[in-house]
């Protein structure tokens, strides 16, 4: 069942929070000789990434300048500003140590240079300058003032996936036949204070997954009374709000259903990053959850590589890491609870 176990120790901390707050994606793009063609908060143009496969002149590359994210619809590569810089420097973003060295260079170049703006004082926030025609304010992961009603925790589709009613009720998910999540499993998402900030939707039939019909969908940006409301999954760590007391070990997986599976195996200290990497905000949450003497265990399965290696390399920036690779997918019908218990010990 277990393919491999890897131990990683790399405790030198970079000020990722300051790097995230100060790094300007547009500046980084220009420093890599990219001609920025800005429309609002987005840049579109030819893909500048080395090794790009496809037409260079096509505007296949898109960068969300304020969120620090990029994607090329030609070669398929995507990620954040740090991963962009790594690719441009010929560094594999999946190599945690190499990515860290890129982060150090970016921090030295943009945050420590003479004349760089100082970090905001505690209790203050920079005032954004609104662009013409855009909302005056942007609200990130604002707690909802409602809950979805009528979620079915015993729907046949959920049972077919192998999840029990107890698991569904513990995590609050259930099938819904209405709204934007219609035909999916609606999954409540909470911030670290336990406030509900949105819902994700998990498709029931894997055979129906496509670019137009992804496995997971997340809340879309919406405007309300002059305020742009955005949900950013990188700002939260799934299930972290249920871990009230920091423990010696925290188990990290990529997908929420992997957290459900390990819960059914008897392990409650499991969090999910909900993606193929770990954001700086999620690193900060983990830093609070795991004591200095603790350890982070990254668990991957047949359906997750190379995501688990990337995740392990990033969380190794803050704590010693043990990475466990399972020989099959992390699903109830593929994971043996007793084997997992022996493996964790």
C-alpha atoms as a PDB file:
ATOM      1  CA  UNK A   1       0.000   0.000   0.000  1.00  0.00           C
ATOM      2  CA  UNK A   2       2.779   2.409   0.917  1.00  0.00           C
ATOM      3  CA  UNK A   3       5.063   3.249  -1.979  1.00  0.00           C
ATOM      4  CA  UNK A   4       7.467   5.539  -0.156  1.00  0.00           C
ATOM      5  CA  UNK A   5       8.175   7.613   2.925  1.00  0.00           C
ATOM      6  CA  UNK A   6      10.345  10.711   2.713  1.00  0.00           C
ATOM      7  CA  UNK A   7      11.654  12.888   5.540  1.00  0.00           C
ATOM      8  CA  UNK A   8      12.446  16.537   4.826  1.00  0.00           C
ATOM      9  CA  UNK A   9      13.959  19.085   7.189  1.00  0.00           C
ATOM     10  CA  UNK A  10      14.376  22.723   6.131  1.00  0.00           C
ATOM     11  CA  UNK A  11      13.421  25.128   8.882  1.00  0.00           C
ATOM     12  CA  UNK A  12      14.851  28.420   7.590  1.00  0.00           C
ATOM     13  CA  UNK A  13      11.904  30.805   7.370  1.00  0.00           C
ATOM     14  CA  UNK A  14      11.358  33.375   4.633  1.00  0.00           C
ATOM     15  CA  UNK A  15       9.042  36.290   5.217  1.00  0.00           C
ATOM     16  CA  UNK A  16       6.446  34.964   2.799  1.00  0.00           C
ATOM     17  CA  UNK A  17       3.740  37.212   4.216  1.00  0.00           C
ATOM     18  CA  UNK A  18       5.703  40.358   3.422  1.00  0.00           C
ATOM     19  CA  UNK A  19       6.682  38.930   0.050  1.00  0.00           C
ATOM     20  CA  UNK A  20       3.014  38.268  -0.768  1.00  0.00           C
ATOM     21  CA  UNK A  21       1.932  41.739   0.324  1.00  0.00           C
ATOM     22  CA  UNK A  22       4.671  43.635  -1.495  1.00  0.00           C
ATOM     23  CA  UNK A  23       5.443  41.643  -4.633  1.00  0.00           C
ATOM     24  CA  UNK A  24       3.972  43.335  -7.706  1.00  0.00           C
ATOM     25  CA  UNK A  25       3.310  40.841 -10.493  1.00  0.00           C
ATOM     26  CA  UNK A  26       3.372  43.521 -13.181  1.00  0.00           C
ATOM     27  CA  UNK A  27       6.847  44.588 -12.083  1.00  0.00           C
ATOM     28  CA  UNK A  28       8.042  40.985 -12.065  1.00  0.00           C
ATOM     29  CA  UNK A  29       6.672  40.472 -15.577  1.00  0.00           C
ATOM     30  CA  UNK A  30       8.424  43.588 -16.892  1.00  0.00           C
ATOM     31  CA  UNK A  31      11.691  42.562 -15.222  1.00  0.00           C
ATOM     32  CA  UNK A  32      11.510  39.352 -17.245  1.00  0.00           C
ATOM     33  CA  UNK A  33      11.076  41.464 -20.414  1.00  0.00           C
ATOM     34  CA  UNK A  34       7.377  40.750 -20.780  1.00  0.00           C
ATOM     35  CA  UNK A  35       5.455  43.506 -22.566  1.00  0.00           C
ATOM     36  CA  UNK A  36       2.517  43.950 -20.229  1.00  0.00           C
ATOM     37  CA  UNK A  37      -0.809  44.543 -21.948  1.00  0.00           C
ATOM     38  CA  UNK A  38      -3.050  45.417 -19.077  1.00  0.00           C
ATOM     39  CA  UNK A  39      -6.834  45.396 -19.207  1.00  0.00           C
ATOM     40  CA  UNK A  40      -8.147  46.184 -15.764  1.00  0.00           C
ATOM     41  CA  UNK A  41      -6.390  43.781 -13.403  1.00  0.00           C
ATOM     42  CA  UNK A  42      -5.451  41.285 -16.119  1.00  0.00           C
ATOM     43  CA  UNK A  43      -2.656  40.900 -18.646  1.00  0.00           C
ATOM     44  CA  UNK A  44      -2.988  38.791 -21.785  1.00  0.00           C
ATOM     45  CA  UNK A  45      -0.291  38.127 -24.311  1.00  0.00           C
ATOM     46  CA  UNK A  46       2.073  35.560 -25.840  1.00  0.00           C
ATOM     47  CA  UNK A  47       3.454  32.968 -23.425  1.00  0.00           C
ATOM     48  CA  UNK A  48       6.946  33.994 -22.222  1.00  0.00           C
ATOM     49  CA  UNK A  49       7.696  30.709 -20.435  1.00  0.00           C
ATOM     50  CA  UNK A  50      10.751  28.742 -21.573  1.00  0.00           C
ATOM     51  CA  UNK A  51       9.865  25.510 -23.319  1.00  0.00           C
ATOM     52  CA  UNK A  52       6.424  26.753 -24.363  1.00  0.00           C
ATOM     53  CA  UNK A  53       4.832  24.350 -26.820  1.00  0.00           C
ATOM     54  CA  UNK A  54       2.667  25.981 -29.434  1.00  0.00           C
ATOM     55  CA  UNK A  55       2.263  29.281 -31.253  1.00  0.00           C
ATOM     56  CA  UNK A  56       4.322  32.014 -29.601  1.00  0.00           C
ATOM     57  CA  UNK A  57       2.362  34.894 -31.087  1.00  0.00           C
ATOM     58  CA  UNK A  58      -1.030  33.771 -29.809  1.00  0.00           C
ATOM     59  CA  UNK A  59      -2.322  35.551 -26.692  1.00  0.00           C
ATOM     60  CA  UNK A  60      -2.538  32.313 -24.704  1.00  0.00           C
ATOM     61  CA  UNK A  61      -0.878  33.628 -21.529  1.00  0.00           C
ATOM     62  CA  UNK A  62      -3.043  35.285 -18.883  1.00  0.00           C
ATOM     63  CA  UNK A  63      -1.907  36.894 -15.630  1.00  0.00           C
ATOM     64  CA  UNK A  64      -4.167  38.120 -12.841  1.00  0.00           C
ATOM     65  CA  UNK A  65      -1.969  40.993 -11.708  1.00  0.00           C
ATOM     66  CA  UNK A  66      -3.624  41.788  -8.395  1.00  0.00           C
ATOM     67  CA  UNK A  67      -4.004  38.160  -7.313  1.00  0.00           C
ATOM     68  CA  UNK A  68      -0.539  37.157  -8.528  1.00  0.00           C
ATOM     69  CA  UNK A  69      -1.697  34.190 -10.606  1.00  0.00           C
ATOM     70  CA  UNK A  70      -0.918  33.106 -14.164  1.00  0.00           C
ATOM     71  CA  UNK A  71      -2.000  30.497 -16.674  1.00  0.00           C
ATOM     72  CA  UNK A  72      -1.046  29.599 -20.234  1.00  0.00           C
ATOM     73  CA  UNK A  73      -3.847  28.023 -22.227  1.00  0.00           C
ATOM     74  CA  UNK A  74      -1.301  26.856 -24.792  1.00  0.00           C
ATOM     75  CA  UNK A  75       1.252  24.877 -22.769  1.00  0.00           C
ATOM     76  CA  UNK A  76      -1.083  24.377 -19.790  1.00  0.00           C
ATOM     77  CA  UNK A  77       1.274  25.683 -17.105  1.00  0.00           C
ATOM     78  CA  UNK A  78      -0.175  27.767 -14.301  1.00  0.00           C
ATOM     79  CA  UNK A  79       0.617  28.939 -10.797  1.00  0.00           C
ATOM     80  CA  UNK A  80       1.518  31.984  -8.729  1.00  0.00           C
ATOM     81  CA  UNK A  81       4.067  34.740  -9.154  1.00  0.00           C
ATOM     82  CA  UNK A  82       6.786  32.740  -7.372  1.00  0.00           C
ATOM     83  CA  UNK A  83       6.250  29.743  -9.656  1.00  0.00           C
ATOM     84  CA  UNK A  84       6.271  32.066 -12.677  1.00  0.00           C
ATOM     85  CA  UNK A  85       9.650  33.480 -11.655  1.00  0.00           C
ATOM     86  CA  UNK A  86      10.958  29.969 -11.063  1.00  0.00           C
ATOM     87  CA  UNK A  87       9.927  28.835 -14.540  1.00  0.00           C
ATOM     88  CA  UNK A  88      11.450  31.921 -16.110  1.00  0.00           C
ATOM     89  CA  UNK A  89      14.722  31.169 -14.292  1.00  0.00           C
ATOM     90  CA  UNK A  90      14.677  27.554 -15.452  1.00  0.00           C
ATOM     91  CA  UNK A  91      13.845  26.233 -11.975  1.00  0.00           C
ATOM     92  CA  UNK A  92      11.389  23.396 -11.368  1.00  0.00           C
ATOM     93  CA  UNK A  93       8.583  24.851  -9.163  1.00  0.00           C
ATOM     94  CA  UNK A  94       7.913  21.363  -7.822  1.00  0.00           C
ATOM     95  CA  UNK A  95      11.349  21.375  -6.187  1.00  0.00           C
ATOM     96  CA  UNK A  96      10.659  23.001  -2.814  1.00  0.00           C
ATOM     97  CA  UNK A  97      14.273  23.895  -2.066  1.00  0.00           C
ATOM     98  CA  UNK A  98      14.783  25.419  -5.517  1.00  0.00           C
ATOM     99  CA  UNK A  99      11.521  27.368  -5.265  1.00  0.00           C
ATOM    100  CA  UNK A 100      12.620  28.676  -1.883  1.00  0.00           C
ATOM    101  CA  UNK A 101      15.869  29.980  -3.391  1.00  0.00           C
ATOM    102  CA  UNK A 102      13.828  31.862  -5.998  1.00  0.00           C
ATOM    103  CA  UNK A 103      11.684  33.336  -3.202  1.00  0.00           C
ATOM    104  CA  UNK A 104      14.829  34.500  -1.399  1.00  0.00           C
ATOM    105  CA  UNK A 105      16.082  36.236  -4.548  1.00  0.00           C
ATOM    106  CA  UNK A 106      12.721  37.918  -5.114  1.00  0.00           C
ATOM    107  CA  UNK A 107      12.594  39.049  -1.508  1.00  0.00           C
ATOM    108  CA  UNK A 108      16.126  40.443  -1.713  1.00  0.00           C
ATOM    109  CA  UNK A 109      15.437  42.158  -5.014  1.00  0.00           C
ATOM    110  CA  UNK A 110      12.041  43.696  -4.365  1.00  0.00           C
ATOM    111  CA  UNK A 111      11.716  44.031  -0.594  1.00  0.00           C
ATOM    112  CA  UNK A 112      15.218  44.814   0.616  1.00  0.00           C
ATOM    113  CA  UNK A 113      16.342  47.174  -2.112  1.00  0.00           C
ATOM    114  CA  UNK A 114      16.889  50.807  -1.239  1.00  0.00           C
ATOM    115  CA  UNK A 115      13.685  52.802  -1.269  1.00  0.00           C
ATOM    116  CA  UNK A 116      11.408  49.784  -0.961  1.00  0.00           C
ATOM    117  CA  UNK A 117       8.220  50.651   0.921  1.00  0.00           C
ATOM    118  CA  UNK A 118       8.183  49.577   4.552  1.00  0.00           C
ATOM    119  CA  UNK A 119       5.612  47.037   5.754  1.00  0.00           C
ATOM    120  CA  UNK A 120       2.325  48.511   7.015  1.00  0.00           C
ATOM    121  CA  UNK A 121       2.139  49.086  10.738  1.00  0.00           C
ATOM    122  CA  UNK A 122       0.155  46.648  12.846  1.00  0.00           C
ATOM    123  CA  UNK A 123      -3.541  47.394  12.721  1.00  0.00           C
ATOM    124  CA  UNK A 124      -3.369  49.330   9.462  1.00  0.00           C
ATOM    125  CA  UNK A 125      -4.220  48.336   5.920  1.00  0.00           C
ATOM    126  CA  UNK A 126      -3.091  49.982   2.685  1.00  0.00           C
ATOM    127  CA  UNK A 127      -5.856  51.883   0.958  1.00  0.00           C
ATOM    128  CA  UNK A 128      -6.331  50.574  -2.597  1.00  0.00           C
ATOM    129  CA  UNK A 129      -6.674  53.060  -5.436  1.00  0.00           C
ATOM    130  CA  UNK A 130      -9.730  52.053  -7.474  1.00  0.00           C
ATOM    131  CA  UNK A 131      -9.484  51.923 -11.246  1.00  0.00           C
ATOM    132  CA  UNK A 132     -12.022  53.675 -13.407  1.00  0.00           C
ATOM    133  CA  UNK A 133     -15.129  51.569 -13.882  1.00  0.00           C
ATOM    134  CA  UNK A 134     -14.186  49.088 -11.138  1.00  0.00           C
ATOM    135  CA  UNK A 135     -15.747  48.665  -7.678  1.00  0.00           C
ATOM    136  CA  UNK A 136     -14.267  50.972  -5.058  1.00  0.00           C
ATOM    137  CA  UNK A 137     -13.573  48.138  -2.618  1.00  0.00           C
ATOM    138  CA  UNK A 138     -12.700  44.445  -2.780  1.00  0.00           C
ATOM    139  CA  UNK A 139     -13.826  42.129   0.002  1.00  0.00           C
ATOM    140  CA  UNK A 140     -12.039  38.786   0.351  1.00  0.00           C
ATOM    141  CA  UNK A 141     -13.712  35.707   1.880  1.00  0.00           C
ATOM    142  CA  UNK A 142     -16.404  37.686   3.669  1.00  0.00           C
ATOM    143  CA  UNK A 143     -18.446  35.457   6.044  1.00  0.00           C
ATOM    144  CA  UNK A 144     -21.827  34.546   4.586  1.00  0.00           C
ATOM    145  CA  UNK A 145     -25.071  35.587   6.208  1.00  0.00           C
ATOM    146  CA  UNK A 146     -26.860  32.461   4.998  1.00  0.00           C
ATOM    147  CA  UNK A 147     -26.470  28.680   4.800  1.00  0.00           C
ATOM    148  CA  UNK A 148     -27.583  26.333   2.046  1.00  0.00           C
ATOM    149  CA  UNK A 149     -30.621  24.378   3.172  1.00  0.00           C
ATOM    150  CA  UNK A 150     -31.769  20.895   2.258  1.00  0.00           C
ATOM    151  CA  UNK A 151     -28.342  19.328   1.647  1.00  0.00           C
ATOM    152  CA  UNK A 152     -28.744  15.551   1.444  1.00  0.00           C
ATOM    153  CA  UNK A 153     -25.985  13.702   3.398  1.00  0.00           C
ATOM    154  CA  UNK A 154     -27.326  10.256   2.446  1.00  0.00           C
ATOM    155  CA  UNK A 155     -27.687  10.763  -1.296  1.00  0.00           C
ATOM    156  CA  UNK A 156     -26.901   7.563  -3.258  1.00  0.00           C
ATOM    157  CA  UNK A 157     -24.116   9.384  -5.098  1.00  0.00           C
ATOM    158  CA  UNK A 158     -22.344  10.129  -1.816  1.00  0.00           C
ATOM    159  CA  UNK A 159     -22.687   6.534  -0.657  1.00  0.00           C
ATOM    160  CA  UNK A 160     -21.383   5.364  -4.026  1.00  0.00           C
ATOM    161  CA  UNK A 161     -18.240   7.426  -3.439  1.00  0.00           C
ATOM    162  CA  UNK A 162     -17.800   5.526  -0.171  1.00  0.00           C
ATOM    163  CA  UNK A 163     -18.572   8.272   2.328  1.00  0.00           C
ATOM    164  CA  UNK A 164     -20.802   7.592   5.301  1.00  0.00           C
ATOM    165  CA  UNK A 165     -23.612   9.705   6.688  1.00  0.00           C
ATOM    166  CA  UNK A 166     -21.489  10.348   9.809  1.00  0.00           C
ATOM    167  CA  UNK A 167     -18.688  11.772   7.666  1.00  0.00           C
ATOM    168  CA  UNK A 168     -21.105  13.924   5.656  1.00  0.00           C
ATOM    169  CA  UNK A 169     -22.688  15.341   8.799  1.00  0.00           C
ATOM    170  CA  UNK A 170     -19.309  15.947  10.467  1.00  0.00           C
ATOM    171  CA  UNK A 171     -18.078  18.040   7.545  1.00  0.00           C
ATOM    172  CA  UNK A 172     -21.536  19.417   6.709  1.00  0.00           C
ATOM    173  CA  UNK A 173     -21.563  18.420   3.038  1.00  0.00           C
ATOM    174  CA  UNK A 174     -24.479  17.009   1.069  1.00  0.00           C
ATOM    175  CA  UNK A 175     -26.027  16.731  -2.374  1.00  0.00           C
ATOM    176  CA  UNK A 176     -28.008  19.718  -3.622  1.00  0.00           C
ATOM    177  CA  UNK A 177     -30.438  20.031  -6.505  1.00  0.00           C
ATOM    178  CA  UNK A 178     -30.668  23.806  -6.637  1.00  0.00           C
ATOM    179  CA  UNK A 179     -28.650  26.927  -7.330  1.00  0.00           C
ATOM    180  CA  UNK A 180     -25.169  27.113  -8.823  1.00  0.00           C
ATOM    181  CA  UNK A 181     -24.204  23.845  -7.088  1.00  0.00           C
ATOM    182  CA  UNK A 182     -27.122  21.915  -8.580  1.00  0.00           C
ATOM    183  CA  UNK A 183     -26.256  18.274  -9.192  1.00  0.00           C
ATOM    184  CA  UNK A 184     -23.109  18.434  -7.046  1.00  0.00           C
ATOM    185  CA  UNK A 185     -22.012  17.834  -3.473  1.00  0.00           C
ATOM    186  CA  UNK A 186     -22.086  21.218  -1.728  1.00  0.00           C
ATOM    187  CA  UNK A 187     -19.107  21.581   0.630  1.00  0.00           C
ATOM    188  CA  UNK A 188     -19.082  24.299   3.330  1.00  0.00           C
ATOM    189  CA  UNK A 189     -15.802  26.230   3.529  1.00  0.00           C
ATOM    190  CA  UNK A 190     -14.765  27.978   6.746  1.00  0.00           C
ATOM    191  CA  UNK A 191     -12.048  30.383   7.777  1.00  0.00           C
ATOM    192  CA  UNK A 192      -9.818  29.647  10.764  1.00  0.00           C
ATOM    193  CA  UNK A 193     -12.373  31.287  13.073  1.00  0.00           C
ATOM    194  CA  UNK A 194     -14.994  28.792  11.936  1.00  0.00           C
ATOM    195  CA  UNK A 195     -17.011  31.349   9.959  1.00  0.00           C
ATOM    196  CA  UNK A 196     -18.678  30.091   6.788  1.00  0.00           C
ATOM    197  CA  UNK A 197     -17.156  31.961   3.820  1.00  0.00           C
ATOM    198  CA  UNK A 198     -18.414  29.958   0.832  1.00  0.00           C
ATOM    199  CA  UNK A 199     -19.294  26.623  -0.720  1.00  0.00           C
ATOM    200  CA  UNK A 200     -17.396  24.391  -3.099  1.00  0.00           C
ATOM    201  CA  UNK A 201     -19.183  21.973  -5.405  1.00  0.00           C
ATOM    202  CA  UNK A 202     -17.842  18.456  -6.079  1.00  0.00           C
ATOM    203  CA  UNK A 203     -19.068  16.647  -9.164  1.00  0.00           C
ATOM    204  CA  UNK A 204     -20.700  13.270  -8.504  1.00  0.00           C
ATOM    205  CA  UNK A 205     -19.817  11.433 -11.702  1.00  0.00           C
ATOM    206  CA  UNK A 206     -16.089  11.380 -12.454  1.00  0.00           C
ATOM    207  CA  UNK A 207     -16.825  10.437 -16.062  1.00  0.00           C
ATOM    208  CA  UNK A 208     -18.444  13.836 -16.609  1.00  0.00           C
ATOM    209  CA  UNK A 209     -15.345  15.835 -15.633  1.00  0.00           C
ATOM    210  CA  UNK A 210     -14.135  18.181 -18.391  1.00  0.00           C
ATOM    211  CA  UNK A 211     -12.569  21.657 -18.686  1.00  0.00           C
ATOM    212  CA  UNK A 212     -16.094  23.067 -18.905  1.00  0.00           C
ATOM    213  CA  UNK A 213     -17.336  20.841 -16.058  1.00  0.00           C
ATOM    214  CA  UNK A 214     -14.460  20.597 -13.520  1.00  0.00           C
ATOM    215  CA  UNK A 215     -14.350  18.214 -10.584  1.00  0.00           C
ATOM    216  CA  UNK A 216     -14.596  21.137  -8.135  1.00  0.00           C
ATOM    217  CA  UNK A 217     -16.132  24.558  -8.543  1.00  0.00           C
ATOM    218  CA  UNK A 218     -15.670  27.468  -6.149  1.00  0.00           C
ATOM    219  CA  UNK A 219     -17.575  30.724  -5.542  1.00  0.00           C
ATOM    220  CA  UNK A 220     -17.239  33.229  -8.343  1.00  0.00           C
ATOM    221  CA  UNK A 221     -16.471  36.923  -8.023  1.00  0.00           C
ATOM    222  CA  UNK A 222     -19.569  39.056  -7.643  1.00  0.00           C
ATOM    223  CA  UNK A 223     -20.286  42.750  -7.213  1.00  0.00           C
ATOM    224  CA  UNK A 224     -22.692  44.024  -4.614  1.00  0.00           C
ATOM    225  CA  UNK A 225     -23.392  47.634  -3.662  1.00  0.00           C
ATOM    226  CA  UNK A 226     -20.153  48.830  -5.226  1.00  0.00           C
ATOM    227  CA  UNK A 227     -18.052  46.164  -3.512  1.00  0.00           C
ATOM    228  CA  UNK A 228     -16.371  43.293  -5.360  1.00  0.00           C
ATOM    229  CA  UNK A 229     -16.686  40.096  -3.319  1.00  0.00           C
ATOM    230  CA  UNK A 230     -14.018  37.487  -4.042  1.00  0.00           C
ATOM    231  CA  UNK A 231     -13.452  34.017  -2.667  1.00  0.00           C
ATOM    232  CA  UNK A 232      -9.796  32.986  -2.499  1.00  0.00           C
ATOM    233  CA  UNK A 233      -9.277  29.377  -1.474  1.00  0.00           C
ATOM    234  CA  UNK A 234      -5.572  30.037  -0.908  1.00  0.00           C
ATOM    235  CA  UNK A 235      -6.534  32.173   2.088  1.00  0.00           C
ATOM    236  CA  UNK A 236      -8.082  29.252   3.974  1.00  0.00           C
ATOM    237  CA  UNK A 237      -7.030  25.725   4.902  1.00  0.00           C
ATOM    238  CA  UNK A 238      -9.857  23.211   4.716  1.00  0.00           C
ATOM    239  CA  UNK A 239     -10.787  21.709   8.106  1.00  0.00           C
ATOM    240  CA  UNK A 240      -8.246  23.846  10.012  1.00  0.00           C
ATOM    241  CA  UNK A 241     -11.016  25.452  12.081  1.00  0.00           C
ATOM    242  CA  UNK A 242     -11.822  22.047  13.625  1.00  0.00           C
ATOM    243  CA  UNK A 243      -8.287  21.693  15.001  1.00  0.00           C
ATOM    244  CA  UNK A 244      -8.720  23.837  18.095  1.00  0.00           C
ATOM    245  CA  UNK A 245      -5.563  22.693  19.920  1.00  0.00           C
ATOM    246  CA  UNK A 246      -2.227  22.632  18.089  1.00  0.00           C
ATOM    247  CA  UNK A 247      -0.990  19.057  17.857  1.00  0.00           C
ATOM    248  CA  UNK A 248       2.429  17.524  17.412  1.00  0.00           C
ATOM    249  CA  UNK A 249       1.545  16.251  13.934  1.00  0.00           C
ATOM    250  CA  UNK A 250      -0.764  17.679  11.279  1.00  0.00           C
ATOM    251  CA  UNK A 251      -1.636  15.638   8.190  1.00  0.00           C
ATOM    252  CA  UNK A 252      -1.901  17.554   4.910  1.00  0.00           C
ATOM    253  CA  UNK A 253      -3.630  16.384   1.723  1.00  0.00           C
ATOM    254  CA  UNK A 254      -4.446  18.146  -1.514  1.00  0.00           C
ATOM    255  CA  UNK A 255      -8.195  17.459  -1.904  1.00  0.00           C
ATOM    256  CA  UNK A 256     -11.069  17.779   0.549  1.00  0.00           C
ATOM    257  CA  UNK A 257     -12.314  14.246  -0.108  1.00  0.00           C
ATOM    258  CA  UNK A 258      -8.918  12.909   0.945  1.00  0.00           C
ATOM    259  CA  UNK A 259      -9.537  14.609   4.303  1.00  0.00           C
ATOM    260  CA  UNK A 260     -12.932  12.886   4.474  1.00  0.00           C
ATOM    261  CA  UNK A 261     -11.323   9.538   3.702  1.00  0.00           C
ATOM    262  CA  UNK A 262      -8.677   9.825   6.414  1.00  0.00           C
ATOM    263  CA  UNK A 263     -11.367  10.973   8.844  1.00  0.00           C
ATOM    264  CA  UNK A 264     -13.199   7.720   8.159  1.00  0.00           C
ATOM    265  CA  UNK A 265      -9.928   5.936   8.929  1.00  0.00           C
ATOM    266  CA  UNK A 266      -9.933   7.563  12.355  1.00  0.00           C
ATOM    267  CA  UNK A 267      -7.669  10.565  11.813  1.00  0.00           C
ATOM    268  CA  UNK A 268      -9.134  13.981  12.629  1.00  0.00           C
ATOM    269  CA  UNK A 269      -6.065  16.254  12.370  1.00  0.00           C
ATOM    270  CA  UNK A 270      -6.210  16.377   8.576  1.00  0.00           C
ATOM    271  CA  UNK A 271      -6.308  19.572   6.507  1.00  0.00           C
ATOM    272  CA  UNK A 272      -6.557  20.057   2.745  1.00  0.00           C
ATOM    273  CA  UNK A 273      -4.913  22.784   0.676  1.00  0.00           C
ATOM    274  CA  UNK A 274      -7.559  22.396  -2.078  1.00  0.00           C
ATOM    275  CA  UNK A 275      -5.009  22.579  -4.862  1.00  0.00           C
ATOM    276  CA  UNK A 276      -1.643  21.495  -6.180  1.00  0.00           C
ATOM    277  CA  UNK A 277       0.457  23.779  -3.977  1.00  0.00           C
ATOM    278  CA  UNK A 278       0.468  25.696  -0.702  1.00  0.00           C
ATOM    279  CA  UNK A 279      -0.083  29.439  -0.456  1.00  0.00           C
ATOM    280  CA  UNK A 280       1.787  31.664   1.983  1.00  0.00           C
ATOM    281  CA  UNK A 281      -1.467  32.235   3.870  1.00  0.00           C
ATOM    282  CA  UNK A 282      -1.854  28.475   4.298  1.00  0.00           C
ATOM    283  CA  UNK A 283       1.759  28.211   5.475  1.00  0.00           C
ATOM    284  CA  UNK A 284       0.982  30.809   8.115  1.00  0.00           C
ATOM    285  CA  UNK A 285      -2.043  28.802   9.291  1.00  0.00           C
ATOM    286  CA  UNK A 286       0.066  25.651   9.505  1.00  0.00           C
ATOM    287  CA  UNK A 287       2.718  27.597  11.395  1.00  0.00           C
ATOM    288  CA  UNK A 288       0.106  28.367  14.057  1.00  0.00           C
ATOM    289  CA  UNK A 289      -1.323  24.843  14.158  1.00  0.00           C
ATOM    290  CA  UNK A 290       1.954  22.956  14.504  1.00  0.00           C
ATOM    291  CA  UNK A 291       4.310  23.684  17.437  1.00  0.00           C
ATOM    292  CA  UNK A 292       7.998  24.268  16.757  1.00  0.00           C
ATOM    293  CA  UNK A 293       8.712  20.715  17.909  1.00  0.00           C
ATOM    294  CA  UNK A 294       5.958  19.304  15.717  1.00  0.00           C
ATOM    295  CA  UNK A 295       5.936  17.793  12.273  1.00  0.00           C
ATOM    296  CA  UNK A 296       3.826  17.957   9.128  1.00  0.00           C
ATOM    297  CA  UNK A 297       2.888  14.728   7.379  1.00  0.00           C
ATOM    298  CA  UNK A 298       2.016  15.156   3.698  1.00  0.00           C
ATOM    299  CA  UNK A 299      -0.031  12.269   2.304  1.00  0.00           C
ATOM    300  CA  UNK A 300      -0.369  11.654  -1.417  1.00  0.00           C
ATOM    301  CA  UNK A 301      -1.970   8.955  -3.500  1.00  0.00           C
ATOM    302  CA  UNK A 302      -1.928   7.551  -6.990  1.00  0.00           C
ATOM    303  CA  UNK A 303      -4.173  10.391  -8.153  1.00  0.00           C
ATOM    304  CA  UNK A 304      -2.115  13.230  -6.654  1.00  0.00           C
ATOM    305  CA  UNK A 305       1.512  13.124  -7.952  1.00  0.00           C
ATOM    306  CA  UNK A 306       3.364  15.373  -8.424  1.00  0.00           C
ATOM    307  CA  UNK A 307       1.186  17.555  -6.208  1.00  0.00           C
ATOM    308  CA  UNK A 308       2.269  15.848  -2.985  1.00  0.00           C
ATOM    309  CA  UNK A 309       5.957  16.440  -3.738  1.00  0.00           C
ATOM    310  CA  UNK A 310       5.291  20.124  -4.434  1.00  0.00           C
ATOM    311  CA  UNK A 311       3.247  20.451  -1.231  1.00  0.00           C
ATOM    312  CA  UNK A 312       5.916  18.660   0.829  1.00  0.00           C
ATOM    313  CA  UNK A 313       8.643  20.918  -0.523  1.00  0.00           C
ATOM    314  CA  UNK A 314       6.706  24.047   0.387  1.00  0.00           C
ATOM    315  CA  UNK A 315       5.614  23.086   3.898  1.00  0.00           C
ATOM    316  CA  UNK A 316       9.228  22.030   4.580  1.00  0.00           C
ATOM    317  CA  UNK A 317       9.932  25.772   4.669  1.00  0.00           C
ATOM    318  CA  UNK A 318       8.365  25.961   8.135  1.00  0.00           C
ATOM    319  CA  UNK A 319       8.544  22.490   9.739  1.00  0.00           C
ATOM    320  CA  UNK A 320      10.169  19.077   9.338  1.00  0.00           C
ATOM    321  CA  UNK A 321       8.106  17.042   6.885  1.00  0.00           C
ATOM    322  CA  UNK A 322       7.335  13.376   6.501  1.00  0.00           C
ATOM    323  CA  UNK A 323       5.824  12.526   3.121  1.00  0.00           C
ATOM    324  CA  UNK A 324       3.837   9.326   2.610  1.00  0.00           C
ATOM    325  CA  UNK A 325       2.814   8.087  -0.818  1.00  0.00           C
ATOM    326  CA  UNK A 326       0.018   5.549  -1.101  1.00  0.00           C
ATOM    327  CA  UNK A 327      -0.113   3.086  -3.980  1.00  0.00           C
ATOM    328  CA  UNK A 328      -3.728   3.935  -4.829  1.00  0.00           C
ATOM    329  CA  UNK A 329      -6.114   6.907  -4.752  1.00  0.00           C
ATOM    330  CA  UNK A 330      -7.071   8.334  -1.366  1.00  0.00           C
ATOM    331  CA  UNK A 331     -10.673   7.139  -1.485  1.00  0.00           C
ATOM    332  CA  UNK A 332     -12.625   5.001   1.013  1.00  0.00           C
ATOM    333  CA  UNK A 333     -12.683   1.934  -1.236  1.00  0.00           C
ATOM    334  CA  UNK A 334      -8.896   2.117  -1.793  1.00  0.00           C
ATOM    335  CA  UNK A 335      -7.575   2.879   1.696  1.00  0.00           C
ATOM    336  CA  UNK A 336      -7.449   0.325   4.528  1.00  0.00           C
ATOM    337  CA  UNK A 337      -7.935   1.961   7.934  1.00  0.00           C
ATOM    338  CA  UNK A 338      -5.706  -0.501   9.811  1.00  0.00           C
ATOM    339  CA  UNK A 339      -2.935  -0.058   7.266  1.00  0.00           C
ATOM    340  CA  UNK A 340      -3.139   3.717   7.600  1.00  0.00           C
ATOM    341  CA  UNK A 341      -2.962   3.406  11.405  1.00  0.00           C
ATOM    342  CA  UNK A 342       0.200   1.297  11.208  1.00  0.00           C
ATOM    343  CA  UNK A 343       1.676   3.650   8.638  1.00  0.00           C
ATOM    344  CA  UNK A 344       1.167   6.748  10.812  1.00  0.00           C
ATOM    345  CA  UNK A 345       2.770   5.067  13.798  1.00  0.00           C
END
